[in-house]
Amino acid sequence: MMDVGNLDLWGYLILISGFLGLFGLIEFTLLLVGNRKAVAHSKRFKFRFNSLMDGMPAPEKGWIKKGAYAKSPELDVWLKQFPRLEFLYLLIGTTGRKITVAQVLVTTVAMGILGLVVGIILKLGIFTPLLGMMGGAIPVGILRYWRKQRMAKIEEQLPDALDTLAQSLRAGHAFSGAFRMVAQQSPEPIATEFRITSDEVTFGASVREGVLGLAQRVELVDMRYFALTVLIQLDTGGSLSQLLIDLARLMRERHKLRRTIRVLSAEGRVSAWILSLLPLGFGLLMSLISPGYLSYFWTDPMGIILTKVMAGQFILGAVWMRSITQIKV
């Protein structure tokens, strides 16, 4: 005979779960709608910058393919036949590391083979190719991590660099000389980028080409704002030094707001990490305490189906929580 108390308890649990799910859906919708304007503004800004890039004559885009893909001239010529490797070359350039495309490709192949060997040794079966692909993706992941760290440093240093550039222009320095002054007085890594731009302008490149090259090497929204400011000033005239000072002030306010939002969303991010790692930690703990307790989920057909459903829900929940805790500024 069914226990009425247990039935009432399950009813309350279902109602509470439904309320929490509806509350989370409403909050996610509000955040999504609130960020839509920022995303739309970012898309318009990128479209405008890309239109400027597409409008450049072909000779002015030569800086994109400077440098070698390999130390061997023969290998360099052969690798440049593959257009898709240009993305890898640009990615390496944004890291600031002295690495060639050939070295990254060799490391990728070696890590992929190592992953396959480990999978074969551990007898992972169908997961062996997946482990090989994960090993091959490690070098690119490391490059992306290096780029992220370097871009973060440049983003913090950019407002001070713009102030120095504005003061140099007010003192009467030419554009290349002002860039050289920023390179001498600024810390790394932003000093290197301004030094490269100064050398390009000094040895014959136009200001337009040098600024666009800087924005292409440093893939930051703030740097592209700077590039558009300079290009618009070249076309319309006006006080570039005052524009740079105002832009630096705006960047500092954006950084301050971003840090404030990061502090306010810290609790949500910690909760997201806990909820994401809790199922994995619980499964690992149960496997150590009772190895056969969870074997149902990969030995029984119904258990395999449940595992796939839970994995899909786990990934969906992680993506959902990440979208809630990340707010564009």
C-alpha atoms as a PDB file:
ATOM      1  CA  MET A   1       0.000   0.000   0.000  1.00  0.00           C
ATOM      2  CA  MET A   2       1.372   3.434  -0.999  1.00  0.00           C
ATOM      3  CA  ASP A   3       2.540   5.667   1.796  1.00  0.00           C
ATOM      4  CA  VAL A   4       0.661   8.998   1.653  1.00  0.00           C
ATOM      5  CA  GLY A   5       3.449  10.795   3.520  1.00  0.00           C
ATOM      6  CA  ASN A   6       6.050   9.761   0.945  1.00  0.00           C
ATOM      7  CA  LEU A   7       3.689  10.801  -1.877  1.00  0.00           C
ATOM      8  CA  ASP A   8       3.261  14.258  -0.348  1.00  0.00           C
ATOM      9  CA  LEU A   9       7.025  14.564   0.104  1.00  0.00           C
ATOM     10  CA  TRP A  10       7.694  13.742  -3.559  1.00  0.00           C
ATOM     11  CA  GLY A  11       5.021  16.232  -4.587  1.00  0.00           C
ATOM     12  CA  TYR A  12       6.681  18.991  -2.596  1.00  0.00           C
ATOM     13  CA  LEU A  13      10.085  18.101  -4.054  1.00  0.00           C
ATOM     14  CA  ILE A  14       8.693  18.252  -7.590  1.00  0.00           C
ATOM     15  CA  LEU A  15       7.106  21.645  -6.907  1.00  0.00           C
ATOM     16  CA  ILE A  16      10.321  23.029  -5.408  1.00  0.00           C
ATOM     17  CA  SER A  17      12.414  21.687  -8.311  1.00  0.00           C
ATOM     18  CA  GLY A  18       9.985  23.185 -10.813  1.00  0.00           C
ATOM     19  CA  PHE A  19      10.099  26.568  -9.063  1.00  0.00           C
ATOM     20  CA  LEU A  20      13.902  26.596  -8.971  1.00  0.00           C
ATOM     21  CA  GLY A  21      14.092  25.590 -12.620  1.00  0.00           C
ATOM     22  CA  LEU A  22      11.628  28.322 -13.627  1.00  0.00           C
ATOM     23  CA  PHE A  23      13.523  30.890 -11.542  1.00  0.00           C
ATOM     24  CA  GLY A  24      16.814  29.912 -13.192  1.00  0.00           C
ATOM     25  CA  LEU A  25      15.241  30.096 -16.657  1.00  0.00           C
ATOM     26  CA  ILE A  26      13.865  33.593 -15.979  1.00  0.00           C
ATOM     27  CA  GLU A  27      17.234  34.798 -14.651  1.00  0.00           C
ATOM     28  CA  PHE A  28      19.067  33.343 -17.648  1.00  0.00           C
ATOM     29  CA  THR A  29      16.602  35.020 -20.036  1.00  0.00           C
ATOM     30  CA  LEU A  30      17.022  38.413 -18.347  1.00  0.00           C
ATOM     31  CA  LEU A  31      20.810  38.159 -18.485  1.00  0.00           C
ATOM     32  CA  LEU A  32      20.681  37.081 -22.120  1.00  0.00           C
ATOM     33  CA  VAL A  33      18.465  40.014 -23.079  1.00  0.00           C
ATOM     34  CA  GLY A  34      20.575  42.413 -21.003  1.00  0.00           C
ATOM     35  CA  ASN A  35      23.779  41.377 -22.759  1.00  0.00           C
ATOM     36  CA  ARG A  36      22.225  41.503 -26.232  1.00  0.00           C
ATOM     37  CA  LYS A  37      23.030  45.196 -26.680  1.00  0.00           C
ATOM     38  CA  ALA A  38      26.682  44.653 -25.709  1.00  0.00           C
ATOM     39  CA  VAL A  39      26.977  41.709 -28.101  1.00  0.00           C
ATOM     40  CA  ALA A  40      25.334  43.677 -30.923  1.00  0.00           C
ATOM     41  CA  HIS A  41      27.680  46.624 -30.307  1.00  0.00           C
ATOM     42  CA  SER A  42      30.670  44.277 -30.390  1.00  0.00           C
ATOM     43  CA  LYS A  43      29.500  42.785 -33.689  1.00  0.00           C
ATOM     44  CA  ARG A  44      29.042  46.231 -35.263  1.00  0.00           C
ATOM     45  CA  PHE A  45      32.495  47.273 -34.079  1.00  0.00           C
ATOM     46  CA  LYS A  46      34.126  44.130 -35.521  1.00  0.00           C
ATOM     47  CA  PHE A  47      32.272  44.617 -38.797  1.00  0.00           C
ATOM     48  CA  ARG A  48      33.517  48.176 -39.085  1.00  0.00           C
ATOM     49  CA  PHE A  49      37.112  47.194 -38.351  1.00  0.00           C
ATOM     50  CA  ASN A  50      36.982  44.276 -40.819  1.00  0.00           C
ATOM     51  CA  SER A  51      35.541  46.565 -43.470  1.00  0.00           C
ATOM     52  CA  LEU A  52      38.542  48.845 -42.994  1.00  0.00           C
ATOM     53  CA  MET A  53      40.843  45.845 -43.360  1.00  0.00           C
ATOM     54  CA  ASP A  54      39.081  44.669 -46.516  1.00  0.00           C
ATOM     55  CA  GLY A  55      39.319  48.146 -47.992  1.00  0.00           C
ATOM     56  CA  MET A  56      43.110  48.181 -47.750  1.00  0.00           C
ATOM     57  CA  PRO A  57      45.048  47.700 -50.991  1.00  0.00           C
ATOM     58  CA  ALA A  58      46.790  44.349 -51.378  1.00  0.00           C
ATOM     59  CA  PRO A  59      50.364  45.715 -50.890  1.00  0.00           C
ATOM     60  CA  GLU A  60      49.370  47.174 -47.500  1.00  0.00           C
ATOM     61  CA  LYS A  61      48.440  43.710 -46.221  1.00  0.00           C
ATOM     62  CA  GLY A  62      51.915  42.327 -46.734  1.00  0.00           C
ATOM     63  CA  TRP A  63      52.784  42.495 -43.039  1.00  0.00           C
ATOM     64  CA  ILE A  64      50.296  39.700 -42.329  1.00  0.00           C
ATOM     65  CA  LYS A  65      52.505  37.071 -43.977  1.00  0.00           C
ATOM     66  CA  LYS A  66      55.900  38.305 -42.832  1.00  0.00           C
ATOM     67  CA  GLY A  67      58.245  35.865 -41.203  1.00  0.00           C
ATOM     68  CA  ALA A  68      58.982  32.217 -41.812  1.00  0.00           C
ATOM     69  CA  TYR A  69      56.956  29.121 -41.028  1.00  0.00           C
ATOM     70  CA  ALA A  70      60.129  27.075 -40.556  1.00  0.00           C
ATOM     71  CA  LYS A  71      63.878  27.565 -40.223  1.00  0.00           C
ATOM     72  CA  SER A  72      64.514  25.522 -43.361  1.00  0.00           C
ATOM     73  CA  PRO A  73      63.795  27.578 -46.528  1.00  0.00           C
ATOM     74  CA  GLU A  74      62.521  24.527 -48.419  1.00  0.00           C
ATOM     75  CA  LEU A  75      60.155  23.533 -45.614  1.00  0.00           C
ATOM     76  CA  ASP A  76      59.048  27.148 -45.232  1.00  0.00           C
ATOM     77  CA  VAL A  77      58.054  27.368 -48.903  1.00  0.00           C
ATOM     78  CA  TRP A  78      56.208  24.037 -48.694  1.00  0.00           C
ATOM     79  CA  LEU A  79      54.257  24.983 -45.556  1.00  0.00           C
ATOM     80  CA  LYS A  80      53.173  28.314 -47.010  1.00  0.00           C
ATOM     81  CA  GLN A  81      51.265  26.394 -49.673  1.00  0.00           C
ATOM     82  CA  PHE A  82      48.620  25.601 -47.025  1.00  0.00           C
ATOM     83  CA  PRO A  83      46.466  28.702 -46.354  1.00  0.00           C
ATOM     84  CA  ARG A  84      45.009  27.248 -43.147  1.00  0.00           C
ATOM     85  CA  LEU A  85      48.420  27.443 -41.463  1.00  0.00           C
ATOM     86  CA  GLU A  86      48.227  31.240 -41.571  1.00  0.00           C
ATOM     87  CA  PHE A  87      45.878  31.064 -38.570  1.00  0.00           C
ATOM     88  CA  LEU A  88      48.490  29.119 -36.622  1.00  0.00           C
ATOM     89  CA  TYR A  89      51.204  31.588 -37.656  1.00  0.00           C
ATOM     90  CA  LEU A  90      49.129  34.547 -36.441  1.00  0.00           C
ATOM     91  CA  LEU A  91      48.332  32.706 -33.210  1.00  0.00           C
ATOM     92  CA  ILE A  92      52.031  32.158 -32.550  1.00  0.00           C
ATOM     93  CA  GLY A  93      52.691  35.832 -33.256  1.00  0.00           C
ATOM     94  CA  THR A  94      50.183  36.934 -30.630  1.00  0.00           C
ATOM     95  CA  THR A  95      51.942  34.860 -27.957  1.00  0.00           C
ATOM     96  CA  GLY A  96      55.227  36.776 -28.321  1.00  0.00           C
ATOM     97  CA  ARG A  97      57.187  33.500 -28.275  1.00  0.00           C
ATOM     98  CA  LYS A  98      59.948  32.680 -30.760  1.00  0.00           C
ATOM     99  CA  ILE A  99      58.351  29.522 -32.121  1.00  0.00           C
ATOM    100  CA  THR A 100      57.851  28.435 -35.723  1.00  0.00           C
ATOM    101  CA  VAL A 101      54.825  26.817 -37.288  1.00  0.00           C
ATOM    102  CA  ALA A 102      56.890  23.720 -38.091  1.00  0.00           C
ATOM    103  CA  GLN A 103      57.834  23.253 -34.434  1.00  0.00           C
ATOM    104  CA  VAL A 104      54.182  23.480 -33.363  1.00  0.00           C
ATOM    105  CA  LEU A 105      53.141  20.959 -36.018  1.00  0.00           C
ATOM    106  CA  VAL A 106      55.841  18.489 -34.970  1.00  0.00           C
ATOM    107  CA  THR A 107      54.845  18.845 -31.314  1.00  0.00           C
ATOM    108  CA  THR A 108      51.187  18.350 -32.224  1.00  0.00           C
ATOM    109  CA  VAL A 109      51.908  15.123 -34.089  1.00  0.00           C
ATOM    110  CA  ALA A 110      54.162  13.850 -31.295  1.00  0.00           C
ATOM    111  CA  MET A 111      51.549  14.571 -28.606  1.00  0.00           C
ATOM    112  CA  GLY A 112      48.851  12.899 -30.698  1.00  0.00           C
ATOM    113  CA  ILE A 113      50.956   9.760 -31.116  1.00  0.00           C
ATOM    114  CA  LEU A 114      51.756   9.785 -27.401  1.00  0.00           C
ATOM    115  CA  GLY A 115      48.049   9.954 -26.591  1.00  0.00           C
ATOM    116  CA  LEU A 116      47.353   6.975 -28.863  1.00  0.00           C
ATOM    117  CA  VAL A 117      50.172   4.966 -27.263  1.00  0.00           C
ATOM    118  CA  VAL A 118      48.867   5.705 -23.765  1.00  0.00           C
ATOM    119  CA  GLY A 119      45.374   4.698 -24.847  1.00  0.00           C
ATOM    120  CA  ILE A 120      46.638   1.426 -26.278  1.00  0.00           C
ATOM    121  CA  ILE A 121      48.680   0.654 -23.170  1.00  0.00           C
ATOM    122  CA  LEU A 122      45.730   1.385 -20.879  1.00  0.00           C
ATOM    123  CA  LYS A 123      43.395  -0.587 -23.218  1.00  0.00           C
ATOM    124  CA  LEU A 124      40.859   2.212 -23.456  1.00  0.00           C
ATOM    125  CA  GLY A 125      39.241   0.776 -26.571  1.00  0.00           C
ATOM    126  CA  ILE A 126      37.066   3.282 -28.413  1.00  0.00           C
ATOM    127  CA  PHE A 127      38.416   6.094 -26.223  1.00  0.00           C
ATOM    128  CA  THR A 128      41.940   5.670 -27.623  1.00  0.00           C
ATOM    129  CA  PRO A 129      41.389   7.932 -30.699  1.00  0.00           C
ATOM    130  CA  LEU A 130      39.765  10.521 -28.428  1.00  0.00           C
ATOM    131  CA  LEU A 131      42.829  10.494 -26.171  1.00  0.00           C
ATOM    132  CA  GLY A 132      45.016  10.930 -29.252  1.00  0.00           C
ATOM    133  CA  MET A 133      43.014  13.952 -30.403  1.00  0.00           C
ATOM    134  CA  MET A 134      43.195  15.436 -26.921  1.00  0.00           C
ATOM    135  CA  GLY A 135      46.973  15.014 -26.914  1.00  0.00           C
ATOM    136  CA  GLY A 136      47.248  16.657 -30.330  1.00  0.00           C
ATOM    137  CA  ALA A 137      45.192  19.629 -29.137  1.00  0.00           C
ATOM    138  CA  ILE A 138      47.506  20.341 -26.181  1.00  0.00           C
ATOM    139  CA  PRO A 139      50.064  22.506 -28.114  1.00  0.00           C
ATOM    140  CA  VAL A 140      47.357  24.778 -29.534  1.00  0.00           C
ATOM    141  CA  GLY A 141      45.769  24.987 -26.087  1.00  0.00           C
ATOM    142  CA  ILE A 142      49.088  26.088 -24.613  1.00  0.00           C
ATOM    143  CA  LEU A 143      49.471  28.735 -27.345  1.00  0.00           C
ATOM    144  CA  ARG A 144      45.998  30.051 -26.587  1.00  0.00           C
ATOM    145  CA  TYR A 145      46.847  30.196 -22.894  1.00  0.00           C
ATOM    146  CA  TRP A 146      50.052  32.144 -23.610  1.00  0.00           C
ATOM    147  CA  ARG A 147      48.112  34.529 -25.846  1.00  0.00           C
ATOM    148  CA  LYS A 148      45.458  35.078 -23.189  1.00  0.00           C
ATOM    149  CA  GLN A 149      48.083  35.884 -20.545  1.00  0.00           C
ATOM    150  CA  ARG A 150      49.937  38.256 -22.853  1.00  0.00           C
ATOM    151  CA  MET A 151      46.782  40.022 -24.030  1.00  0.00           C
ATOM    152  CA  ALA A 152      45.707  40.523 -20.411  1.00  0.00           C
ATOM    153  CA  LYS A 153      49.006  42.264 -19.633  1.00  0.00           C
ATOM    154  CA  ILE A 154      48.770  44.464 -22.720  1.00  0.00           C
ATOM    155  CA  GLU A 155      45.188  45.404 -21.882  1.00  0.00           C
ATOM    156  CA  GLU A 156      46.275  46.602 -18.443  1.00  0.00           C
ATOM    157  CA  GLN A 157      49.230  48.558 -19.862  1.00  0.00           C
ATOM    158  CA  LEU A 158      47.395  50.165 -22.795  1.00  0.00           C
ATOM    159  CA  PRO A 159      45.826  53.200 -20.996  1.00  0.00           C
ATOM    160  CA  ASP A 160      49.219  54.307 -19.641  1.00  0.00           C
ATOM    161  CA  ALA A 161      50.770  53.778 -23.077  1.00  0.00           C
ATOM    162  CA  LEU A 162      48.099  55.970 -24.688  1.00  0.00           C
ATOM    163  CA  ASP A 163      48.763  58.708 -22.141  1.00  0.00           C
ATOM    164  CA  THR A 164      52.470  58.578 -22.967  1.00  0.00           C
ATOM    165  CA  LEU A 165      51.670  58.638 -26.691  1.00  0.00           C
ATOM    166  CA  ALA A 166      49.405  61.668 -26.247  1.00  0.00           C
ATOM    167  CA  GLN A 167      52.038  63.560 -24.260  1.00  0.00           C
ATOM    168  CA  SER A 168      54.670  62.769 -26.907  1.00  0.00           C
ATOM    169  CA  LEU A 169      52.409  64.085 -29.685  1.00  0.00           C
ATOM    170  CA  ARG A 170      51.749  67.247 -27.670  1.00  0.00           C
ATOM    171  CA  ALA A 171      55.496  67.729 -27.266  1.00  0.00           C
ATOM    172  CA  GLY A 172      55.843  67.824 -31.056  1.00  0.00           C
ATOM    173  CA  HIS A 173      57.159  64.338 -31.832  1.00  0.00           C
ATOM    174  CA  ALA A 174      56.273  62.713 -35.131  1.00  0.00           C
ATOM    175  CA  PHE A 175      54.014  59.670 -35.083  1.00  0.00           C
ATOM    176  CA  SER A 176      56.871  57.160 -35.362  1.00  0.00           C
ATOM    177  CA  GLY A 177      58.866  59.072 -32.746  1.00  0.00           C
ATOM    178  CA  ALA A 178      55.905  59.092 -30.377  1.00  0.00           C
ATOM    179  CA  PHE A 179      55.553  55.339 -30.789  1.00  0.00           C
ATOM    180  CA  ARG A 180      59.271  54.944 -30.124  1.00  0.00           C
ATOM    181  CA  MET A 181      58.881  57.016 -26.945  1.00  0.00           C
ATOM    182  CA  VAL A 182      56.096  54.685 -25.761  1.00  0.00           C
ATOM    183  CA  ALA A 183      58.297  51.664 -26.512  1.00  0.00           C
ATOM    184  CA  GLN A 184      61.136  53.115 -24.441  1.00  0.00           C
ATOM    185  CA  GLN A 185      59.050  54.126 -21.428  1.00  0.00           C
ATOM    186  CA  SER A 186      56.500  51.282 -21.267  1.00  0.00           C
ATOM    187  CA  PRO A 187      57.019  47.816 -19.784  1.00  0.00           C
ATOM    188  CA  GLU A 188      56.862  44.584 -21.717  1.00  0.00           C
ATOM    189  CA  PRO A 189      54.999  43.198 -23.599  1.00  0.00           C
ATOM    190  CA  ILE A 190      53.316  46.361 -24.903  1.00  0.00           C
ATOM    191  CA  ALA A 191      56.707  48.000 -25.500  1.00  0.00           C
ATOM    192  CA  THR A 192      57.551  45.361 -28.111  1.00  0.00           C
ATOM    193  CA  GLU A 193      54.332  45.961 -30.050  1.00  0.00           C
ATOM    194  CA  PHE A 194      54.786  49.726 -30.155  1.00  0.00           C
ATOM    195  CA  ARG A 195      58.449  49.274 -31.114  1.00  0.00           C
ATOM    196  CA  ILE A 196      57.439  47.095 -34.080  1.00  0.00           C
ATOM    197  CA  THR A 197      54.901  49.702 -35.201  1.00  0.00           C
ATOM    198  CA  SER A 198      57.480  52.476 -34.857  1.00  0.00           C
ATOM    199  CA  ASP A 199      59.959  50.537 -36.989  1.00  0.00           C
ATOM    200  CA  GLU A 200      57.325  49.853 -39.653  1.00  0.00           C
ATOM    201  CA  VAL A 201      56.411  53.544 -39.944  1.00  0.00           C
ATOM    202  CA  THR A 202      60.070  54.624 -39.850  1.00  0.00           C
ATOM    203  CA  PHE A 203      61.087  52.275 -42.675  1.00  0.00           C
ATOM    204  CA  GLY A 204      58.391  53.254 -45.133  1.00  0.00           C
ATOM    205  CA  ALA A 205      55.023  51.943 -44.018  1.00  0.00           C
ATOM    206  CA  SER A 206      52.109  54.363 -43.766  1.00  0.00           C
ATOM    207  CA  VAL A 207      50.603  55.305 -40.410  1.00  0.00           C
ATOM    208  CA  ARG A 208      47.387  53.578 -41.475  1.00  0.00           C
ATOM    209  CA  GLU A 209      49.243  50.351 -42.228  1.00  0.00           C
ATOM    210  CA  GLY A 210      51.240  50.462 -39.002  1.00  0.00           C
ATOM    211  CA  VAL A 211      48.204  51.055 -36.778  1.00  0.00           C
ATOM    212  CA  LEU A 212      46.167  48.335 -38.486  1.00  0.00           C
ATOM    213  CA  GLY A 213      49.111  45.975 -38.131  1.00  0.00           C
ATOM    214  CA  LEU A 214      49.236  46.719 -34.411  1.00  0.00           C
ATOM    215  CA  ALA A 215      45.509  46.034 -34.057  1.00  0.00           C
ATOM    216  CA  GLN A 216      45.883  42.781 -35.984  1.00  0.00           C
ATOM    217  CA  ARG A 217      48.756  41.546 -33.831  1.00  0.00           C
ATOM    218  CA  VAL A 218      47.079  42.560 -30.563  1.00  0.00           C
ATOM    219  CA  GLU A 219      43.571  41.138 -30.783  1.00  0.00           C
ATOM    220  CA  LEU A 220      41.951  43.335 -28.151  1.00  0.00           C
ATOM    221  CA  VAL A 221      38.810  45.425 -28.388  1.00  0.00           C
ATOM    222  CA  ASP A 222      40.579  48.343 -26.712  1.00  0.00           C
ATOM    223  CA  MET A 223      43.421  48.206 -29.229  1.00  0.00           C
ATOM    224  CA  ARG A 224      40.942  48.234 -32.082  1.00  0.00           C
ATOM    225  CA  TYR A 225      39.238  51.244 -30.548  1.00  0.00           C
ATOM    226  CA  PHE A 226      42.645  52.914 -30.581  1.00  0.00           C
ATOM    227  CA  ALA A 227      43.186  51.955 -34.229  1.00  0.00           C
ATOM    228  CA  LEU A 228      39.795  53.339 -35.273  1.00  0.00           C
ATOM    229  CA  THR A 229      40.471  56.547 -33.322  1.00  0.00           C
ATOM    230  CA  VAL A 230      43.735  57.126 -35.180  1.00  0.00           C
ATOM    231  CA  LEU A 231      42.267  56.257 -38.581  1.00  0.00           C
ATOM    232  CA  ILE A 232      39.254  58.520 -38.112  1.00  0.00           C
ATOM    233  CA  GLN A 233      41.522  61.364 -36.972  1.00  0.00           C
ATOM    234  CA  LEU A 234      43.689  60.907 -40.080  1.00  0.00           C
ATOM    235  CA  ASP A 235      40.599  61.285 -42.270  1.00  0.00           C
ATOM    236  CA  THR A 236      38.790  64.072 -40.420  1.00  0.00           C
ATOM    237  CA  GLY A 237      41.527  65.901 -38.494  1.00  0.00           C
ATOM    238  CA  GLY A 238      41.358  67.169 -34.934  1.00  0.00           C
ATOM    239  CA  SER A 239      43.415  66.877 -31.782  1.00  0.00           C
ATOM    240  CA  LEU A 240      44.657  63.296 -31.657  1.00  0.00           C
ATOM    241  CA  SER A 241      46.355  63.789 -28.284  1.00  0.00           C
ATOM    242  CA  GLN A 242      43.091  64.840 -26.618  1.00  0.00           C
ATOM    243  CA  LEU A 243      41.267  61.916 -28.229  1.00  0.00           C
ATOM    244  CA  LEU A 244      43.876  59.509 -26.890  1.00  0.00           C
ATOM    245  CA  ILE A 245      43.616  60.954 -23.374  1.00  0.00           C
ATOM    246  CA  ASP A 246      39.826  60.583 -23.439  1.00  0.00           C
ATOM    247  CA  LEU A 247      40.153  57.045 -24.802  1.00  0.00           C
ATOM    248  CA  ALA A 248      42.609  56.099 -22.048  1.00  0.00           C
ATOM    249  CA  ARG A 249      40.195  57.455 -19.433  1.00  0.00           C
ATOM    250  CA  LEU A 250      37.369  55.417 -20.968  1.00  0.00           C
ATOM    251  CA  MET A 251      39.510  52.265 -20.919  1.00  0.00           C
ATOM    252  CA  ARG A 252      40.321  52.741 -17.240  1.00  0.00           C
ATOM    253  CA  GLU A 253      36.617  53.106 -16.437  1.00  0.00           C
ATOM    254  CA  ARG A 254      35.837  49.936 -18.371  1.00  0.00           C
ATOM    255  CA  HIS A 255      38.565  48.031 -16.525  1.00  0.00           C
ATOM    256  CA  LYS A 256      37.225  49.322 -13.198  1.00  0.00           C
ATOM    257  CA  LEU A 257      33.685  48.253 -14.097  1.00  0.00           C
ATOM    258  CA  ARG A 258      34.911  44.857 -15.280  1.00  0.00           C
ATOM    259  CA  ARG A 259      36.720  44.247 -11.997  1.00  0.00           C
ATOM    260  CA  THR A 260      33.636  45.317 -10.037  1.00  0.00           C
ATOM    261  CA  ILE A 261      31.464  42.891 -11.987  1.00  0.00           C
ATOM    262  CA  ARG A 262      34.007  40.137 -11.468  1.00  0.00           C
ATOM    263  CA  VAL A 263      33.892  40.683  -7.700  1.00  0.00           C
ATOM    264  CA  LEU A 264      30.090  40.730  -7.655  1.00  0.00           C
ATOM    265  CA  SER A 265      29.872  37.545  -9.740  1.00  0.00           C
ATOM    266  CA  ALA A 266      32.523  35.697  -7.724  1.00  0.00           C
ATOM    267  CA  GLU A 267      29.923  33.829  -5.666  1.00  0.00           C
ATOM    268  CA  GLY A 268      28.147  32.641  -8.796  1.00  0.00           C
ATOM    269  CA  ARG A 269      31.382  31.472 -10.396  1.00  0.00           C
ATOM    270  CA  VAL A 270      32.394  29.555  -7.276  1.00  0.00           C
ATOM    271  CA  SER A 271      28.954  27.954  -7.131  1.00  0.00           C
ATOM    272  CA  ALA A 272      29.262  26.989 -10.793  1.00  0.00           C
ATOM    273  CA  TRP A 273      32.632  25.319 -10.170  1.00  0.00           C
ATOM    274  CA  ILE A 274      31.293  23.446  -7.145  1.00  0.00           C
ATOM    275  CA  LEU A 275      28.202  22.218  -8.980  1.00  0.00           C
ATOM    276  CA  SER A 276      30.300  21.178 -11.975  1.00  0.00           C
ATOM    277  CA  LEU A 277      32.936  19.289  -9.987  1.00  0.00           C
ATOM    278  CA  LEU A 278      30.613  17.768  -7.380  1.00  0.00           C
ATOM    279  CA  PRO A 279      29.254  14.920  -9.580  1.00  0.00           C
ATOM    280  CA  LEU A 280      32.758  14.030 -10.778  1.00  0.00           C
ATOM    281  CA  GLY A 281      34.154  14.096  -7.251  1.00  0.00           C
ATOM    282  CA  PHE A 282      31.267  12.019  -5.906  1.00  0.00           C
ATOM    283  CA  GLY A 283      31.713   9.434  -8.672  1.00  0.00           C
ATOM    284  CA  LEU A 284      35.452   9.201  -8.027  1.00  0.00           C
ATOM    285  CA  LEU A 285      34.893   8.840  -4.284  1.00  0.00           C
ATOM    286  CA  MET A 286      32.314   6.086  -4.753  1.00  0.00           C
ATOM    287  CA  SER A 287      34.650   4.279  -7.157  1.00  0.00           C
ATOM    288  CA  LEU A 288      37.383   4.295  -4.525  1.00  0.00           C
ATOM    289  CA  ILE A 289      35.107   3.210  -1.660  1.00  0.00           C
ATOM    290  CA  SER A 290      33.115   0.602  -3.585  1.00  0.00           C
ATOM    291  CA  PRO A 291      34.603  -0.121  -7.045  1.00  0.00           C
ATOM    292  CA  GLY A 292      31.614  -2.147  -8.233  1.00  0.00           C
ATOM    293  CA  TYR A 293      28.912   0.201  -7.002  1.00  0.00           C
ATOM    294  CA  LEU A 294      28.769   2.341 -10.175  1.00  0.00           C
ATOM    295  CA  SER A 295      29.561  -0.443 -12.652  1.00  0.00           C
ATOM    296  CA  TYR A 296      25.856  -0.551 -13.585  1.00  0.00           C
ATOM    297  CA  PHE A 297      26.280   2.673 -15.572  1.00  0.00           C
ATOM    298  CA  TRP A 298      28.725   1.139 -18.085  1.00  0.00           C
ATOM    299  CA  THR A 299      27.798  -2.553 -18.026  1.00  0.00           C
ATOM    300  CA  ASP A 300      23.997  -2.494 -18.299  1.00  0.00           C
ATOM    301  CA  PRO A 301      22.394  -1.151 -21.544  1.00  0.00           C
ATOM    302  CA  MET A 302      19.965   1.014 -19.602  1.00  0.00           C
ATOM    303  CA  GLY A 303      22.847   2.295 -17.467  1.00  0.00           C
ATOM    304  CA  ILE A 304      24.754   3.318 -20.607  1.00  0.00           C
ATOM    305  CA  ILE A 305      21.708   5.255 -21.832  1.00  0.00           C
ATOM    306  CA  LEU A 306      21.378   6.974 -18.463  1.00  0.00           C
ATOM    307  CA  THR A 307      25.080   7.843 -18.534  1.00  0.00           C
ATOM    308  CA  LYS A 308      24.712   9.508 -21.944  1.00  0.00           C
ATOM    309  CA  VAL A 309      21.659  11.458 -20.789  1.00  0.00           C
ATOM    310  CA  MET A 310      23.413  12.597 -17.606  1.00  0.00           C
ATOM    311  CA  ALA A 311      26.530  13.589 -19.555  1.00  0.00           C
ATOM    312  CA  GLY A 312      24.424  15.702 -21.920  1.00  0.00           C
ATOM    313  CA  GLN A 313      22.623  17.375 -19.022  1.00  0.00           C
ATOM    314  CA  PHE A 314      25.950  17.934 -17.254  1.00  0.00           C
ATOM    315  CA  ILE A 315      27.440  19.691 -20.302  1.00  0.00           C
ATOM    316  CA  LEU A 316      24.273  21.745 -20.816  1.00  0.00           C
ATOM    317  CA  GLY A 317      24.287  22.830 -17.168  1.00  0.00           C
ATOM    318  CA  ALA A 318      27.978  23.797 -17.302  1.00  0.00           C
ATOM    319  CA  VAL A 319      27.417  25.905 -20.429  1.00  0.00           C
ATOM    320  CA  TRP A 320      24.343  27.489 -18.854  1.00  0.00           C
ATOM    321  CA  MET A 321      26.146  28.445 -15.661  1.00  0.00           C
ATOM    322  CA  ARG A 322      29.092  29.816 -17.628  1.00  0.00           C
ATOM    323  CA  SER A 323      26.791  32.036 -19.706  1.00  0.00           C
ATOM    324  CA  ILE A 324      25.146  33.359 -16.533  1.00  0.00           C
ATOM    325  CA  THR A 325      28.384  34.211 -14.727  1.00  0.00           C
ATOM    326  CA  GLN A 326      30.134  35.839 -17.723  1.00  0.00           C
ATOM    327  CA  ILE A 327      28.916  39.380 -18.378  1.00  0.00           C
ATOM    328  CA  LYS A 328      30.271  41.415 -21.277  1.00  0.00           C
ATOM    329  CA  VAL A 329      31.371  44.977 -20.555  1.00  0.00           C
END
